[in-house]
C-alpha cells in the first residue's frame, strides 16, 4: 500500500475541512497555501518514499509516464495541483477572488399571473461568510476552490488505488 502518500492525502482531507470552516480571509489564505502544498506533496511523497518500495517502484514510474503522456486526461494534476501550487509557493500569486464577500449575478424571471408576460430582472447578490471562494482564471474558472480541491483529493485517491492494484 502507498502508506506515505495516503498519509499526506488524509492530511489533505483535514485541510479541506479547515477551508470549509474558516471565515477569516487571511487565515483562510494560509490554510489554502498549506492545502495546495499538501495536495502536491502527495505526488512527491509517492515518488520519493513509496517509490523506494520495490513492489511500487515500477508502477509509480508507469503512473507518472501515463500522466505525462495523456495530460488532457489528467488536467487536474497539471492545471490545478501543480500549477496552483507553483503559483503560490514560487510567486505567492492567488488565483482566487480576493475579497471576503463575492457578488454573484443572478437573472430573475417574473411572470405576470394575469397576462402571462415575463420579464427578466438582473440583480447581484453578495455572498459572504466563506460560502463561495471562486477560482478567477484558467482551470475550472468560477468554480469554488474547495470543490476543485475536493476533486483533486478524489483524483489522487483513484490514482493511488490504481497503483496499488497494479502493484
N, C-alpha and C. Protein backbone atom coordinates (compact mmCIF):
# COMPACT_ATOMS: atom_id res chain seq x y z
N UNK A 1 0.84 -1.19 0.00
CA UNK A 1 0.00 0.00 0.00
C UNK A 1 0.89 1.25 0.00
N UNK A 2 0.41 2.29 -0.61
CA UNK A 2 1.15 3.55 -0.68
C UNK A 2 0.89 4.34 0.61
N UNK A 3 1.44 3.84 1.72
CA UNK A 3 1.14 4.39 3.04
C UNK A 3 1.53 5.85 3.20
N UNK A 4 2.72 6.20 2.76
CA UNK A 4 3.19 7.57 2.97
C UNK A 4 2.33 8.56 2.18
N UNK A 5 2.07 8.27 0.91
CA UNK A 5 1.23 9.17 0.10
C UNK A 5 -0.18 9.23 0.66
N UNK A 6 -0.68 8.12 1.14
CA UNK A 6 -2.03 8.11 1.72
C UNK A 6 -2.10 8.93 3.01
N UNK A 7 -1.01 8.96 3.77
CA UNK A 7 -0.99 9.79 4.98
C UNK A 7 -1.11 11.26 4.60
N UNK A 8 -0.39 11.68 3.57
CA UNK A 8 -0.49 13.06 3.10
C UNK A 8 -1.90 13.33 2.60
N UNK A 9 -2.47 12.37 1.88
CA UNK A 9 -3.83 12.54 1.35
C UNK A 9 -4.85 12.71 2.48
N UNK A 10 -4.65 11.99 3.56
CA UNK A 10 -5.54 12.17 4.73
C UNK A 10 -5.40 13.58 5.29
N UNK A 11 -4.18 14.11 5.31
CA UNK A 11 -3.99 15.49 5.76
C UNK A 11 -4.65 16.47 4.81
N UNK A 12 -4.68 16.14 3.52
CA UNK A 12 -5.39 16.98 2.54
C UNK A 12 -6.87 17.06 2.88
N UNK A 13 -7.43 15.95 3.32
CA UNK A 13 -8.85 15.93 3.68
C UNK A 13 -9.11 16.82 4.88
N UNK A 14 -8.21 16.80 5.85
CA UNK A 14 -8.35 17.69 7.01
C UNK A 14 -8.18 19.14 6.56
N UNK A 15 -7.23 19.41 5.67
CA UNK A 15 -7.04 20.77 5.16
C UNK A 15 -8.31 21.28 4.49
N UNK A 16 -8.98 20.41 3.75
CA UNK A 16 -10.24 20.79 3.11
C UNK A 16 -11.29 21.16 4.16
N UNK A 17 -11.36 20.40 5.22
CA UNK A 17 -12.32 20.71 6.28
C UNK A 17 -12.00 22.06 6.93
N UNK A 18 -10.73 22.34 7.13
CA UNK A 18 -10.33 23.64 7.68
C UNK A 18 -10.76 24.77 6.75
N UNK A 19 -10.62 24.56 5.44
CA UNK A 19 -11.04 25.56 4.46
C UNK A 19 -12.55 25.76 4.48
N UNK A 20 -13.28 24.68 4.69
CA UNK A 20 -14.74 24.78 4.74
C UNK A 20 -15.20 25.58 5.96
N UNK A 21 -14.49 25.44 7.07
CA UNK A 21 -14.93 26.03 8.33
C UNK A 21 -14.43 27.45 8.56
N UNK A 22 -13.32 27.81 7.97
CA UNK A 22 -12.69 29.11 8.27
C UNK A 22 -13.42 30.26 7.59
N UNK A 23 -13.68 31.33 8.34
CA UNK A 23 -14.34 32.50 7.78
C UNK A 23 -13.43 33.72 7.68
N UNK A 24 -12.36 33.76 8.44
CA UNK A 24 -11.41 34.87 8.36
C UNK A 24 -10.58 34.69 7.08
N UNK A 25 -10.61 35.68 6.20
CA UNK A 25 -9.98 35.55 4.89
C UNK A 25 -8.47 35.34 4.97
N UNK A 26 -7.79 36.05 5.85
CA UNK A 26 -6.34 35.88 5.94
C UNK A 26 -5.98 34.47 6.44
N UNK A 27 -6.68 33.99 7.43
CA UNK A 27 -6.43 32.63 7.92
C UNK A 27 -6.80 31.63 6.84
N UNK A 28 -7.88 31.89 6.11
CA UNK A 28 -8.30 31.00 5.02
C UNK A 28 -7.19 30.91 3.97
N UNK A 29 -6.57 32.05 3.61
CA UNK A 29 -5.50 32.04 2.61
C UNK A 29 -4.31 31.20 3.09
N UNK A 30 -3.99 31.30 4.36
CA UNK A 30 -2.88 30.50 4.90
C UNK A 30 -3.23 29.01 4.82
N UNK A 31 -4.47 28.66 5.15
CA UNK A 31 -4.91 27.27 5.00
C UNK A 31 -4.84 26.84 3.54
N UNK A 32 -5.17 27.74 2.62
CA UNK A 32 -5.16 27.43 1.19
C UNK A 32 -3.73 27.12 0.73
N UNK A 33 -2.79 27.94 1.15
CA UNK A 33 -1.39 27.70 0.79
C UNK A 33 -0.96 26.32 1.31
N UNK A 34 -1.29 26.04 2.55
CA UNK A 34 -0.93 24.73 3.13
C UNK A 34 -1.62 23.60 2.38
N UNK A 35 -2.88 23.79 2.04
CA UNK A 35 -3.64 22.75 1.35
C UNK A 35 -3.02 22.45 -0.02
N UNK A 36 -2.64 23.48 -0.75
CA UNK A 36 -2.04 23.26 -2.07
C UNK A 36 -0.65 22.64 -1.96
N UNK A 37 0.10 23.01 -0.94
CA UNK A 37 1.40 22.36 -0.73
C UNK A 37 1.19 20.88 -0.43
N UNK A 38 0.18 20.58 0.37
CA UNK A 38 -0.11 19.18 0.72
C UNK A 38 -0.57 18.38 -0.49
N UNK A 39 -1.46 18.94 -1.29
CA UNK A 39 -2.02 18.16 -2.41
C UNK A 39 -0.93 17.84 -3.42
N UNK A 40 0.05 18.73 -3.57
CA UNK A 40 1.18 18.43 -4.46
C UNK A 40 2.15 17.47 -3.79
N UNK A 41 2.27 17.57 -2.47
CA UNK A 41 3.17 16.69 -1.73
C UNK A 41 2.77 15.22 -1.85
N UNK A 42 1.50 14.95 -2.11
CA UNK A 42 1.08 13.55 -2.31
C UNK A 42 1.95 12.91 -3.38
N UNK A 43 2.13 13.59 -4.50
CA UNK A 43 2.92 13.03 -5.59
C UNK A 43 4.39 12.94 -5.27
N UNK A 44 4.91 13.95 -4.59
CA UNK A 44 6.33 13.92 -4.22
C UNK A 44 6.61 12.77 -3.25
N UNK A 45 5.75 12.61 -2.26
CA UNK A 45 5.92 11.53 -1.28
C UNK A 45 5.71 10.17 -1.94
N UNK A 46 4.75 10.10 -2.84
CA UNK A 46 4.54 8.87 -3.59
C UNK A 46 5.83 8.47 -4.30
N UNK A 47 6.45 9.41 -4.96
CA UNK A 47 7.67 9.14 -5.72
C UNK A 47 8.87 8.88 -4.80
N UNK A 48 9.10 9.75 -3.84
CA UNK A 48 10.32 9.70 -3.03
C UNK A 48 10.28 8.68 -1.90
N UNK A 49 9.11 8.41 -1.35
CA UNK A 49 9.02 7.50 -0.20
C UNK A 49 8.43 6.15 -0.63
N UNK A 50 7.19 6.16 -1.09
CA UNK A 50 6.56 4.90 -1.50
C UNK A 50 7.28 4.31 -2.71
N UNK A 51 7.87 5.16 -3.54
CA UNK A 51 8.58 4.70 -4.72
C UNK A 51 9.84 3.91 -4.41
N UNK A 52 10.33 4.00 -3.19
CA UNK A 52 11.52 3.22 -2.78
C UNK A 52 11.18 1.76 -2.50
N UNK A 53 9.90 1.47 -2.33
CA UNK A 53 9.48 0.10 -2.09
C UNK A 53 9.51 -0.64 -3.42
N UNK A 54 10.26 -1.73 -3.50
CA UNK A 54 10.40 -2.44 -4.77
C UNK A 54 9.07 -2.83 -5.42
N UNK A 55 8.07 -3.13 -4.61
CA UNK A 55 6.78 -3.54 -5.17
C UNK A 55 6.07 -2.39 -5.90
N UNK A 56 6.45 -1.14 -5.57
CA UNK A 56 5.75 0.01 -6.13
C UNK A 56 6.56 0.82 -7.13
N UNK A 57 7.86 0.65 -7.15
CA UNK A 57 8.74 1.49 -7.98
C UNK A 57 8.28 1.54 -9.43
N UNK A 58 8.09 0.39 -10.03
CA UNK A 58 7.71 0.33 -11.45
C UNK A 58 6.33 0.93 -11.69
N UNK A 59 5.38 0.61 -10.84
CA UNK A 59 4.01 1.10 -11.05
C UNK A 59 3.90 2.61 -10.86
N UNK A 60 4.66 3.15 -9.93
CA UNK A 60 4.65 4.60 -9.73
C UNK A 60 5.27 5.28 -10.95
N UNK A 61 6.37 4.74 -11.45
CA UNK A 61 7.00 5.29 -12.66
C UNK A 61 6.03 5.22 -13.83
N UNK A 62 5.33 4.09 -13.98
CA UNK A 62 4.35 3.93 -15.06
C UNK A 62 3.22 4.95 -14.93
N UNK A 63 2.77 5.19 -13.70
CA UNK A 63 1.69 6.16 -13.49
C UNK A 63 2.14 7.55 -13.92
N UNK A 64 3.33 7.97 -13.51
CA UNK A 64 3.85 9.28 -13.91
C UNK A 64 3.97 9.38 -15.42
N UNK A 65 4.43 8.33 -16.06
CA UNK A 65 4.54 8.33 -17.53
C UNK A 65 3.16 8.44 -18.18
N UNK A 66 2.18 7.76 -17.60
CA UNK A 66 0.81 7.84 -18.12
C UNK A 66 0.29 9.27 -17.99
N UNK A 67 0.51 9.90 -16.86
CA UNK A 67 0.04 11.28 -16.67
C UNK A 67 0.72 12.21 -17.68
N UNK A 68 2.02 12.02 -17.89
CA UNK A 68 2.75 12.86 -18.84
C UNK A 68 2.29 12.61 -20.27
N UNK A 69 1.99 11.36 -20.59
CA UNK A 69 1.59 11.00 -21.96
C UNK A 69 0.18 11.44 -22.30
N UNK A 70 -0.68 11.52 -21.30
CA UNK A 70 -2.08 11.88 -21.51
C UNK A 70 -2.48 13.04 -20.59
N UNK A 71 -1.88 14.21 -20.78
CA UNK A 71 -2.16 15.33 -19.87
C UNK A 71 -3.61 15.79 -19.90
N UNK A 72 -4.29 15.62 -21.02
CA UNK A 72 -5.69 16.03 -21.09
C UNK A 72 -6.57 15.15 -20.19
N UNK A 73 -6.15 13.92 -19.98
CA UNK A 73 -6.90 13.02 -19.09
C UNK A 73 -6.60 13.29 -17.63
N UNK A 74 -5.56 14.09 -17.37
CA UNK A 74 -5.13 14.36 -16.00
C UNK A 74 -4.95 15.86 -15.80
N UNK A 75 -5.90 16.62 -16.36
CA UNK A 75 -5.84 18.08 -16.28
C UNK A 75 -5.75 18.57 -14.85
N UNK A 76 -6.46 17.91 -13.96
CA UNK A 76 -6.48 18.39 -12.58
C UNK A 76 -5.08 18.37 -11.97
N UNK A 77 -4.25 17.43 -12.40
CA UNK A 77 -2.88 17.40 -11.90
C UNK A 77 -2.06 18.56 -12.47
N UNK A 78 -2.09 18.72 -13.78
CA UNK A 78 -1.24 19.71 -14.43
C UNK A 78 -1.75 21.14 -14.29
N UNK A 79 -3.06 21.32 -14.42
CA UNK A 79 -3.63 22.67 -14.45
C UNK A 79 -4.09 23.17 -13.09
N UNK A 80 -4.18 22.27 -12.11
CA UNK A 80 -4.58 22.71 -10.77
C UNK A 80 -3.52 22.34 -9.73
N UNK A 81 -3.33 21.07 -9.48
CA UNK A 81 -2.44 20.64 -8.41
C UNK A 81 -1.04 21.24 -8.59
N UNK A 82 -0.46 21.04 -9.73
CA UNK A 82 0.90 21.50 -9.98
C UNK A 82 0.96 23.01 -10.21
N UNK A 83 0.09 23.51 -11.07
CA UNK A 83 0.14 24.93 -11.43
C UNK A 83 -0.18 25.84 -10.25
N UNK A 84 -1.25 25.54 -9.53
CA UNK A 84 -1.64 26.42 -8.43
C UNK A 84 -0.62 26.37 -7.29
N UNK A 85 -0.07 25.18 -7.02
CA UNK A 85 0.98 25.09 -6.01
C UNK A 85 2.17 25.94 -6.41
N UNK A 86 2.58 25.85 -7.69
CA UNK A 86 3.71 26.65 -8.16
C UNK A 86 3.41 28.14 -8.07
N UNK A 87 2.21 28.56 -8.45
CA UNK A 87 1.84 29.98 -8.37
C UNK A 87 1.97 30.49 -6.94
N UNK A 88 1.53 29.70 -6.00
CA UNK A 88 1.57 30.14 -4.60
C UNK A 88 2.96 30.06 -3.99
N UNK A 89 3.61 28.93 -4.13
CA UNK A 89 4.87 28.74 -3.42
C UNK A 89 6.05 29.42 -4.11
N UNK A 90 5.95 29.67 -5.39
CA UNK A 90 7.06 30.30 -6.10
C UNK A 90 6.86 31.79 -6.33
N UNK A 91 5.58 32.23 -6.40
CA UNK A 91 5.31 33.64 -6.68
C UNK A 91 4.32 34.28 -5.72
N UNK A 92 3.73 33.50 -4.85
CA UNK A 92 2.68 33.92 -3.91
C UNK A 92 1.55 34.65 -4.65
N UNK A 93 1.13 34.04 -5.75
CA UNK A 93 0.02 34.55 -6.56
C UNK A 93 -1.20 33.68 -6.32
N UNK A 94 -2.27 34.29 -5.85
CA UNK A 94 -3.52 33.58 -5.60
C UNK A 94 -4.43 33.72 -6.81
N UNK A 95 -4.98 32.61 -7.25
CA UNK A 95 -5.92 32.61 -8.37
C UNK A 95 -7.34 32.48 -7.82
N UNK A 96 -7.62 33.26 -6.79
CA UNK A 96 -8.92 33.23 -6.11
C UNK A 96 -9.46 34.63 -5.99
N UNK A 97 -10.76 34.73 -5.84
CA UNK A 97 -11.38 36.03 -5.59
C UNK A 97 -10.79 36.59 -4.30
N UNK A 98 -10.30 37.84 -4.32
CA UNK A 98 -9.53 38.36 -3.18
C UNK A 98 -10.34 38.90 -2.01
N UNK A 99 -11.65 38.99 -2.13
CA UNK A 99 -12.44 39.66 -1.09
C UNK A 99 -13.17 38.67 -0.19
N UNK A 100 -13.54 39.16 0.97
CA UNK A 100 -14.33 38.34 1.90
C UNK A 100 -15.72 38.07 1.33
N UNK A 101 -16.23 39.06 0.58
CA UNK A 101 -17.57 38.97 0.03
C UNK A 101 -17.50 38.93 -1.49
N UNK A 102 -18.23 38.01 -2.09
CA UNK A 102 -18.27 37.85 -3.54
C UNK A 102 -19.67 38.19 -4.01
N UNK A 103 -19.77 39.00 -5.06
CA UNK A 103 -21.08 39.28 -5.62
C UNK A 103 -21.36 38.32 -6.77
N UNK A 104 -22.54 37.75 -6.75
CA UNK A 104 -22.95 36.79 -7.77
C UNK A 104 -24.10 37.40 -8.56
N UNK A 105 -24.00 37.36 -9.89
CA UNK A 105 -25.04 37.89 -10.75
C UNK A 105 -26.12 36.83 -10.96
N UNK A 106 -27.36 37.25 -10.81
CA UNK A 106 -28.50 36.36 -10.98
C UNK A 106 -29.54 37.08 -11.83
N UNK A 107 -30.14 36.35 -12.76
CA UNK A 107 -31.24 36.92 -13.54
C UNK A 107 -32.52 36.24 -13.07
N UNK A 108 -33.41 37.05 -12.48
CA UNK A 108 -34.70 36.54 -12.02
C UNK A 108 -35.72 36.68 -13.15
N UNK A 109 -36.58 35.71 -13.29
CA UNK A 109 -37.65 35.78 -14.28
C UNK A 109 -38.98 35.85 -13.53
N UNK A 110 -39.73 36.91 -13.79
CA UNK A 110 -41.04 37.08 -13.15
C UNK A 110 -42.12 37.01 -14.23
N UNK A 111 -43.18 36.30 -13.92
CA UNK A 111 -44.29 36.15 -14.86
C UNK A 111 -45.54 36.78 -14.26
N UNK A 112 -46.18 37.66 -15.04
CA UNK A 112 -47.43 38.27 -14.61
C UNK A 112 -48.50 37.19 -14.65
N UNK A 113 -49.17 36.90 -13.51
CA UNK A 113 -50.15 35.82 -13.50
C UNK A 113 -51.39 36.10 -14.34
N UNK A 114 -51.65 37.36 -14.65
CA UNK A 114 -52.83 37.70 -15.44
C UNK A 114 -52.52 37.67 -16.93
N UNK A 115 -51.44 38.34 -17.34
CA UNK A 115 -51.14 38.47 -18.77
C UNK A 115 -50.20 37.37 -19.27
N UNK A 116 -49.48 36.75 -18.38
CA UNK A 116 -48.52 35.73 -18.78
C UNK A 116 -47.21 36.31 -19.29
N UNK A 117 -47.13 37.63 -19.31
CA UNK A 117 -45.92 38.29 -19.78
C UNK A 117 -44.79 38.06 -18.77
N UNK A 118 -43.61 37.73 -19.31
CA UNK A 118 -42.46 37.53 -18.43
C UNK A 118 -41.49 38.69 -18.59
N UNK A 119 -40.81 38.96 -17.54
CA UNK A 119 -39.78 39.99 -17.54
C UNK A 119 -38.57 39.43 -16.78
N UNK A 120 -37.39 39.75 -17.29
CA UNK A 120 -36.18 39.31 -16.61
C UNK A 120 -35.57 40.48 -15.84
N UNK A 121 -35.18 40.19 -14.61
CA UNK A 121 -34.66 41.22 -13.72
C UNK A 121 -33.25 40.81 -13.28
N UNK A 122 -32.22 41.47 -13.83
CA UNK A 122 -30.86 41.14 -13.40
C UNK A 122 -30.55 41.78 -12.05
N UNK A 123 -29.90 41.01 -11.18
CA UNK A 123 -29.51 41.52 -9.87
C UNK A 123 -28.19 40.88 -9.47
N UNK A 124 -27.53 41.53 -8.55
CA UNK A 124 -26.35 40.91 -7.94
C UNK A 124 -26.63 40.74 -6.46
N UNK A 125 -26.11 39.66 -5.93
CA UNK A 125 -26.29 39.36 -4.52
C UNK A 125 -24.91 39.11 -3.90
N UNK A 126 -24.65 39.75 -2.79
CA UNK A 126 -23.38 39.48 -2.12
C UNK A 126 -23.45 38.15 -1.36
N UNK A 127 -22.36 37.41 -1.46
CA UNK A 127 -22.26 36.15 -0.72
C UNK A 127 -21.01 36.27 0.15
N UNK A 128 -21.18 36.12 1.41
CA UNK A 128 -20.05 36.21 2.34
C UNK A 128 -19.96 34.97 3.20
N UNK A 129 -19.27 35.10 4.29
CA UNK A 129 -19.13 34.04 5.29
C UNK A 129 -18.58 32.74 4.73
N UNK A 130 -17.63 32.85 3.80
CA UNK A 130 -16.91 31.68 3.30
C UNK A 130 -17.78 30.72 2.51
N UNK A 131 -18.86 31.19 1.94
CA UNK A 131 -19.74 30.30 1.19
C UNK A 131 -19.20 30.03 -0.21
N UNK A 132 -18.54 31.03 -0.80
CA UNK A 132 -18.09 30.89 -2.19
C UNK A 132 -16.74 31.56 -2.35
N UNK A 133 -15.72 30.78 -2.69
CA UNK A 133 -14.36 31.29 -2.94
C UNK A 133 -13.98 30.85 -4.36
N UNK A 134 -14.40 31.63 -5.38
CA UNK A 134 -14.22 31.19 -6.76
C UNK A 134 -12.78 31.32 -7.27
N UNK A 135 -12.43 30.37 -8.16
CA UNK A 135 -11.19 30.46 -8.92
C UNK A 135 -11.40 31.52 -9.98
N UNK A 136 -10.42 32.39 -10.16
CA UNK A 136 -10.58 33.54 -11.05
C UNK A 136 -10.28 33.24 -12.51
N UNK A 137 -9.30 32.37 -12.78
CA UNK A 137 -8.84 32.24 -14.15
C UNK A 137 -8.36 30.82 -14.42
N UNK A 138 -8.52 30.38 -15.65
CA UNK A 138 -7.95 29.10 -16.06
C UNK A 138 -8.82 27.91 -15.71
N UNK A 139 -8.16 26.86 -15.27
CA UNK A 139 -8.82 25.59 -14.99
C UNK A 139 -9.95 25.78 -13.98
N UNK A 140 -11.14 25.38 -14.39
CA UNK A 140 -12.35 25.42 -13.55
C UNK A 140 -12.69 26.84 -13.06
N UNK A 141 -12.40 27.82 -13.89
CA UNK A 141 -12.70 29.22 -13.58
C UNK A 141 -14.15 29.36 -13.12
N UNK A 142 -14.35 30.07 -12.03
CA UNK A 142 -15.69 30.31 -11.49
C UNK A 142 -16.14 29.26 -10.49
N UNK A 143 -15.51 28.10 -10.49
CA UNK A 143 -15.87 27.06 -9.51
C UNK A 143 -15.30 27.43 -8.15
N UNK A 144 -15.96 27.00 -7.12
CA UNK A 144 -15.46 27.20 -5.77
C UNK A 144 -14.15 26.42 -5.63
N UNK A 145 -13.13 27.07 -5.11
CA UNK A 145 -11.81 26.46 -4.99
C UNK A 145 -11.85 25.16 -4.19
N UNK A 146 -12.70 25.10 -3.19
CA UNK A 146 -12.78 23.89 -2.37
C UNK A 146 -13.37 22.72 -3.14
N UNK A 147 -14.26 22.99 -4.08
CA UNK A 147 -14.80 21.92 -4.92
C UNK A 147 -13.71 21.33 -5.80
N UNK A 148 -12.88 22.20 -6.36
CA UNK A 148 -11.78 21.73 -7.20
C UNK A 148 -10.77 20.97 -6.35
N UNK A 149 -10.49 21.48 -5.17
CA UNK A 149 -9.57 20.81 -4.26
C UNK A 149 -10.10 19.42 -3.87
N UNK A 150 -11.38 19.34 -3.61
CA UNK A 150 -12.00 18.05 -3.30
C UNK A 150 -11.86 17.08 -4.47
N UNK A 151 -12.04 17.57 -5.69
CA UNK A 151 -11.85 16.73 -6.88
C UNK A 151 -10.39 16.28 -7.00
N UNK A 152 -9.46 17.15 -6.61
CA UNK A 152 -8.04 16.77 -6.64
C UNK A 152 -7.76 15.65 -5.63
N UNK A 153 -8.37 15.74 -4.47
CA UNK A 153 -8.24 14.67 -3.48
C UNK A 153 -8.77 13.36 -4.06
N UNK A 154 -9.92 13.43 -4.69
CA UNK A 154 -10.51 12.23 -5.30
C UNK A 154 -9.63 11.67 -6.43
N UNK A 155 -9.05 12.58 -7.23
CA UNK A 155 -8.16 12.14 -8.31
C UNK A 155 -6.98 11.37 -7.72
N UNK A 156 -6.35 11.94 -6.70
CA UNK A 156 -5.22 11.24 -6.08
C UNK A 156 -5.66 9.90 -5.50
N UNK A 157 -6.83 9.88 -4.86
CA UNK A 157 -7.32 8.61 -4.31
C UNK A 157 -7.46 7.54 -5.37
N UNK A 158 -8.00 7.91 -6.52
CA UNK A 158 -8.15 6.97 -7.63
C UNK A 158 -6.79 6.54 -8.16
N UNK A 159 -5.88 7.48 -8.33
CA UNK A 159 -4.56 7.15 -8.85
C UNK A 159 -3.79 6.24 -7.90
N UNK A 160 -3.86 6.51 -6.60
CA UNK A 160 -3.17 5.66 -5.63
C UNK A 160 -3.77 4.25 -5.64
N UNK A 161 -5.08 4.17 -5.73
CA UNK A 161 -5.74 2.88 -5.78
C UNK A 161 -5.29 2.10 -7.02
N UNK A 162 -5.23 2.77 -8.16
CA UNK A 162 -4.79 2.11 -9.40
C UNK A 162 -3.35 1.62 -9.29
N UNK A 163 -2.48 2.41 -8.69
CA UNK A 163 -1.09 1.99 -8.50
C UNK A 163 -1.04 0.77 -7.61
N UNK A 164 -1.82 0.79 -6.54
CA UNK A 164 -1.83 -0.36 -5.60
C UNK A 164 -2.36 -1.62 -6.25
N UNK A 165 -3.38 -1.48 -7.08
CA UNK A 165 -3.94 -2.64 -7.78
C UNK A 165 -2.90 -3.21 -8.74
N UNK A 166 -2.23 -2.34 -9.49
CA UNK A 166 -1.23 -2.80 -10.45
C UNK A 166 -0.02 -3.44 -9.78
N UNK A 167 0.33 -2.93 -8.59
CA UNK A 167 1.49 -3.48 -7.87
C UNK A 167 1.10 -4.82 -7.25
